[in-house]
Amino acid sequence: MTCKNCNSELSDTVNFCDNCGAKVVKKRITAMGLLSDVAQNVFGWDNKYFFTIKTLVSKPGILLGEYLGGARKKYVNPFTFLVIGMTVAILTFNFFDEQFIEANKGAQKAQMEWMAEKFGGPYASEEFQAEQLESSKKQTKFMLKYFNILVVLLLPIYSFLAFIIYRRPYNYGEHIVINSFIQGLSFISISILFLISLVTHPLLYGLNSLLLLVFYTYAYGKLYRLSVGQSILKVLLFIAVLTVLAIVIVIVGYGIVYLTGKFG
């Protein structure tokens, strides 16, 4: 018997080729066999994808450290991991698009009610709240339409901010890898949280930002071996820089719109 991949001579009793490592296929392809392979490769708990999720959740410092250090064969490629998570989120949110919009609206409304109670002022105005809810609805629809483009655009920005704040020993490209893993996992967790909120309470979905923030703090803290206090300070700095950047982008955007309207 010879290996179908490299033509090396094989014993009839082996299951894997000693030369190239390929699995020795001894049976013909059947419909049931194809379904079995799909179930094993996609849904099997021992495959790379679920192993990557399990390790990333329980031991993010080990997974990220090993992958960046060169031990990559046992984990899913970070960009493949990101694309899988992004695809699951896109399919989930677009299939339940109306419910997704309502879930975001409910979370936004609860936030404004809390701010109205604590700070009063414009937040207590029903007109102001209605305007904000309408604006939030438009933003949600925009996000649904351009979700994949937003992910591609935001990933380099998040990674660059992390590179500036956390610095050595990892370079910018390695921070892109780190954030690809974190974002890929966040899309899966957000999708699950959203589906659970459909049968429980819409406000449950509002926890997604908090959970992402907690995991971001946890994952980077473990990778850099930071104390809890150091991890929190780093993340707060990350949020502050991101907020300033968002404000600058908004100001520049309004400026462009104003100049275009004035001189156009």
Protein backbone atom coordinates (compact mmCIF):
# COMPACT_ATOMS: atom_id res chain seq x y z
CA MET A 1 0.00 0.00 0.00
CA THR A 2 1.23 3.50 -0.83
CA CYS A 3 0.35 6.93 0.57
CA LYS A 4 -2.04 8.74 -1.78
CA ASN A 5 -0.40 12.07 -0.91
CA CYS A 6 3.37 11.42 -1.15
CA ASN A 7 3.49 7.88 -2.67
CA SER A 8 5.56 6.49 0.21
CA GLU A 9 5.36 2.74 0.89
CA LEU A 10 3.13 1.97 3.89
CA SER A 11 2.24 -1.01 6.02
CA ASP A 12 -1.35 -2.22 5.75
CA THR A 13 -1.88 -1.64 9.48
CA VAL A 14 -0.87 2.05 9.76
CA ASN A 15 -3.40 4.87 10.01
CA PHE A 16 -1.05 7.76 9.23
CA CYS A 17 1.81 8.14 6.78
CA ASP A 18 5.24 8.15 8.47
CA ASN A 19 6.64 10.46 5.79
CA CYS A 20 4.02 13.25 5.38
CA GLY A 21 1.71 12.58 8.32
CA ALA A 22 -1.42 12.35 6.18
CA LYS A 23 -4.28 10.13 7.33
CA VAL A 24 -4.48 6.84 5.45
CA VAL A 25 -7.93 6.60 3.88
CA LYS A 26 -8.99 2.99 3.48
CA LYS A 27 -12.68 3.46 2.67
CA ARG A 28 -14.48 4.94 -0.31
CA ILE A 29 -16.29 8.26 -0.01
CA THR A 30 -19.96 7.90 0.92
CA ALA A 31 -22.71 10.39 1.74
CA MET A 32 -22.76 9.29 5.38
CA GLY A 33 -18.99 9.46 5.49
CA LEU A 34 -19.05 13.06 4.25
CA LEU A 35 -21.62 14.02 6.88
CA SER A 36 -19.53 12.34 9.55
CA ASP A 37 -16.42 14.24 8.45
CA VAL A 38 -18.28 17.56 8.50
CA ALA A 39 -19.68 16.85 11.96
CA GLN A 40 -16.23 15.91 13.24
CA ASN A 41 -14.34 18.80 11.66
CA VAL A 42 -16.90 21.53 12.36
CA PHE A 43 -18.71 20.42 15.51
CA GLY A 44 -16.26 18.01 17.11
CA TRP A 45 -15.08 19.20 20.51
CA ASP A 46 -11.58 17.86 19.85
CA ASN A 47 -11.00 19.94 16.70
CA LYS A 48 -8.77 22.98 16.51
CA TYR A 49 -11.53 25.56 16.56
CA PHE A 50 -13.19 24.44 19.79
CA PHE A 51 -9.80 23.71 21.33
CA THR A 52 -8.76 27.28 20.48
CA ILE A 53 -11.94 28.70 22.05
CA LYS A 54 -11.55 26.56 25.18
CA THR A 55 -7.90 27.52 25.67
CA LEU A 56 -8.49 31.19 24.85
CA VAL A 57 -11.25 31.40 27.47
CA SER A 58 -9.48 29.43 30.21
CA LYS A 59 -5.81 30.22 29.51
CA PRO A 60 -5.54 33.26 27.19
CA GLY A 61 -1.99 34.05 28.28
CA ILE A 62 -0.81 30.55 27.37
CA LEU A 63 -2.55 30.46 23.98
CA LEU A 64 -1.39 33.93 22.94
CA GLY A 65 2.11 33.36 24.29
CA GLU A 66 2.47 30.00 22.55
CA TYR A 67 1.09 31.22 19.24
CA LEU A 68 3.29 34.31 19.18
CA GLY A 69 6.22 32.16 20.26
CA GLY A 70 5.82 29.82 17.26
CA ALA A 71 3.61 26.96 18.53
CA ARG A 72 0.87 27.48 15.96
CA LYS A 73 -0.08 24.08 14.59
CA LYS A 74 -2.51 23.18 17.40
CA TYR A 75 -4.46 26.46 17.19
CA VAL A 76 -6.68 27.96 14.49
CA ASN A 77 -5.06 30.75 12.50
CA PRO A 78 -6.08 34.05 14.19
CA PHE A 79 -7.49 35.57 11.01
CA THR A 80 -9.49 32.42 10.26
CA PHE A 81 -10.70 32.53 13.87
CA LEU A 82 -11.74 36.16 13.41
CA VAL A 83 -13.55 35.47 10.13
CA ILE A 84 -15.48 32.54 11.65
CA GLY A 85 -16.60 34.68 14.59
CA MET A 86 -17.49 37.58 12.32
CA THR A 87 -19.50 35.29 10.01
CA VAL A 88 -21.45 33.82 12.93
CA ALA A 89 -22.26 37.33 14.20
CA ILE A 90 -23.31 38.60 10.75
CA LEU A 91 -25.59 35.62 10.13
CA THR A 92 -27.09 35.81 13.63
CA PHE A 93 -27.73 39.57 13.68
CA ASN A 94 -29.08 39.73 10.15
CA PHE A 95 -31.37 36.73 10.63
CA PHE A 96 -32.79 38.40 13.75
CA ASP A 97 -32.27 41.95 12.49
CA GLU A 98 -35.46 43.43 13.97
CA GLN A 99 -34.83 41.79 17.34
CA PHE A 100 -31.22 42.96 17.23
CA ILE A 101 -32.30 46.56 16.63
CA GLU A 102 -34.80 46.33 19.48
CA ALA A 103 -32.16 44.81 21.79
CA ASN A 104 -29.81 47.71 21.10
CA LYS A 105 -32.67 50.15 21.57
CA GLY A 106 -33.59 48.57 24.90
CA ALA A 107 -29.99 48.74 26.14
CA GLN A 108 -29.70 52.38 25.02
CA LYS A 109 -33.01 53.29 26.68
CA ALA A 110 -31.98 51.70 29.98
CA GLN A 111 -28.70 53.60 29.88
CA MET A 112 -30.43 56.94 29.25
CA GLU A 113 -32.94 56.31 32.04
CA TRP A 114 -30.05 55.68 34.42
CA MET A 115 -28.30 58.87 33.28
CA ALA A 116 -31.55 60.84 33.61
CA GLU A 117 -31.91 59.62 37.18
CA LYS A 118 -28.29 60.33 38.10
CA PHE A 119 -27.55 63.53 36.16
CA GLY A 120 -30.90 64.95 35.06
CA GLY A 121 -30.57 67.87 32.63
CA PRO A 122 -31.04 67.00 28.96
CA TYR A 123 -31.01 63.29 29.75
CA ALA A 124 -34.38 63.72 31.51
CA SER A 125 -35.96 65.28 28.43
CA GLU A 126 -38.28 62.91 26.53
CA GLU A 127 -37.49 64.74 23.29
CA PHE A 128 -33.75 64.29 23.85
CA GLN A 129 -34.23 60.59 24.64
CA ALA A 130 -36.36 60.09 21.51
CA GLU A 131 -33.67 61.74 19.35
CA GLN A 132 -30.96 59.56 20.88
CA LEU A 133 -32.98 56.38 20.38
CA GLU A 134 -33.62 57.26 16.74
CA SER A 135 -29.94 58.03 16.25
CA SER A 136 -29.04 54.72 17.89
CA LYS A 137 -31.44 52.87 15.57
CA LYS A 138 -29.78 54.41 12.49
CA GLN A 139 -26.33 53.53 13.82
CA THR A 140 -27.40 49.92 14.43
CA LYS A 141 -28.75 49.59 10.88
CA PHE A 142 -25.53 51.07 9.53
CA MET A 143 -23.48 48.60 11.56
CA LEU A 144 -25.55 45.65 10.30
CA LYS A 145 -25.05 46.75 6.71
CA TYR A 146 -21.31 47.35 6.94
CA PHE A 147 -20.36 44.99 9.77
CA ASN A 148 -17.54 43.22 7.94
CA ILE A 149 -16.03 46.49 6.66
CA LEU A 150 -16.13 48.01 10.15
CA VAL A 151 -14.31 44.98 11.58
CA VAL A 152 -11.56 45.26 8.97
CA LEU A 153 -11.18 49.00 9.60
CA LEU A 154 -11.31 48.89 13.41
CA LEU A 155 -8.97 45.92 13.97
CA PRO A 156 -5.80 47.82 12.95
CA ILE A 157 -6.88 50.79 15.11
CA TYR A 158 -7.49 48.67 18.23
CA SER A 159 -4.20 46.84 17.61
CA PHE A 160 -2.25 50.08 17.19
CA LEU A 161 -3.65 51.50 20.43
CA ALA A 162 -2.78 48.26 22.24
CA PHE A 163 0.73 48.42 20.76
CA ILE A 164 1.17 51.98 22.05
CA ILE A 165 -0.14 51.19 25.53
CA TYR A 166 1.28 47.71 26.19
CA ARG A 167 4.45 48.04 24.09
CA ARG A 168 7.21 45.46 24.43
CA PRO A 169 7.95 42.65 23.87
CA TYR A 170 5.32 42.43 21.11
CA ASN A 171 5.31 44.44 17.89
CA TYR A 172 2.37 45.91 16.00
CA GLY A 173 1.84 42.82 13.83
CA GLU A 174 1.72 40.61 16.90
CA HIS A 175 -0.87 42.89 18.50
CA ILE A 176 -3.00 42.42 15.37
CA VAL A 177 -2.82 38.66 16.01
CA ILE A 178 -3.77 39.15 19.69
CA ASN A 179 -6.74 41.35 18.81
CA SER A 180 -7.86 38.96 16.07
CA PHE A 181 -8.18 36.19 18.66
CA ILE A 182 -9.95 38.46 21.16
CA GLN A 183 -12.35 39.92 18.56
CA GLY A 184 -13.09 36.49 17.11
CA LEU A 185 -14.06 35.21 20.54
CA SER A 186 -16.06 38.36 21.30
CA PHE A 187 -18.20 37.90 18.18
CA ILE A 188 -19.06 34.34 19.24
CA SER A 189 -19.85 35.38 22.83
CA ILE A 190 -21.92 38.38 21.68
CA SER A 191 -23.92 36.16 19.31
CA ILE A 192 -24.61 33.64 22.09
CA LEU A 193 -25.52 36.40 24.54
CA PHE A 194 -27.86 37.94 21.99
CA LEU A 195 -29.63 34.63 21.30
CA ILE A 196 -30.06 34.05 25.04
CA SER A 197 -31.47 37.57 25.43
CA LEU A 198 -34.17 36.74 22.86
CA VAL A 199 -35.69 34.16 25.21
CA THR A 200 -34.87 35.89 28.50
CA HIS A 201 -34.56 39.69 28.67
CA PRO A 202 -33.30 42.18 26.01
CA LEU A 203 -31.15 44.00 28.56
CA LEU A 204 -28.97 40.91 28.87
CA TYR A 205 -27.48 41.82 25.50
CA GLY A 206 -26.34 45.13 27.00
CA LEU A 207 -23.75 43.23 29.03
CA ASN A 208 -21.69 42.44 25.92
CA SER A 209 -19.53 45.58 26.15
CA LEU A 210 -18.77 44.95 29.82
CA LEU A 211 -17.88 41.31 29.17
CA LEU A 212 -15.59 42.27 26.30
CA LEU A 213 -13.86 44.86 28.49
CA VAL A 214 -13.39 42.33 31.29
CA PHE A 215 -11.98 39.69 28.94
CA TYR A 216 -9.71 42.22 27.23
CA THR A 217 -8.32 43.17 30.65
CA TYR A 218 -7.96 39.51 31.62
CA ALA A 219 -6.31 38.34 28.38
CA TYR A 220 -3.75 41.13 28.12
CA GLY A 221 -3.11 40.93 31.86
CA LYS A 222 -2.29 37.23 31.64
CA LEU A 223 -0.14 37.65 28.52
CA TYR A 224 1.90 40.48 30.06
CA ARG A 225 1.76 38.95 33.57
CA LEU A 226 0.30 42.13 35.04
CA SER A 227 -1.29 42.53 38.44
CA VAL A 228 -5.02 43.25 38.62
CA GLY A 229 -4.31 46.93 39.33
CA GLN A 230 -1.86 47.22 36.43
CA SER A 231 -4.31 45.51 34.06
CA ILE A 232 -7.13 47.87 35.03
CA LEU A 233 -4.92 50.96 34.62
CA LYS A 234 -3.80 49.79 31.16
CA VAL A 235 -7.38 49.19 30.00
CA LEU A 236 -8.54 52.54 31.40
CA LEU A 237 -5.74 54.21 29.45
CA PHE A 238 -6.80 52.26 26.35
CA ILE A 239 -10.41 53.46 26.77
CA ALA A 240 -9.28 57.06 27.32
CA VAL A 241 -7.12 57.10 24.17
CA LEU A 242 -9.88 55.41 22.15
CA THR A 243 -12.42 57.97 23.40
CA VAL A 244 -10.16 60.88 22.44
CA LEU A 245 -9.60 59.33 19.02
CA ALA A 246 -13.37 58.87 18.53
CA ILE A 247 -13.99 62.52 19.47
CA VAL A 248 -11.32 63.69 17.02
CA ILE A 249 -12.84 61.57 14.24
CA VAL A 250 -16.32 62.98 14.96
CA ILE A 251 -15.02 66.57 14.96
CA VAL A 252 -13.11 66.02 11.72
CA GLY A 253 -16.18 64.36 10.19
CA TYR A 254 -18.44 67.28 11.11
CA GLY A 255 -15.79 69.67 9.81
CA ILE A 256 -15.68 67.91 6.46
CA VAL A 257 -19.47 67.92 6.21
CA TYR A 258 -19.57 71.63 7.12
CA LEU A 259 -16.88 72.60 4.60
CA THR A 260 -18.46 70.47 1.90
CA GLY A 261 -21.80 72.17 2.48
CA LYS A 262 -20.24 75.65 2.59
CA PHE A 263 -18.01 75.46 -0.46
CA GLY A 264 -19.66 72.66 -2.38
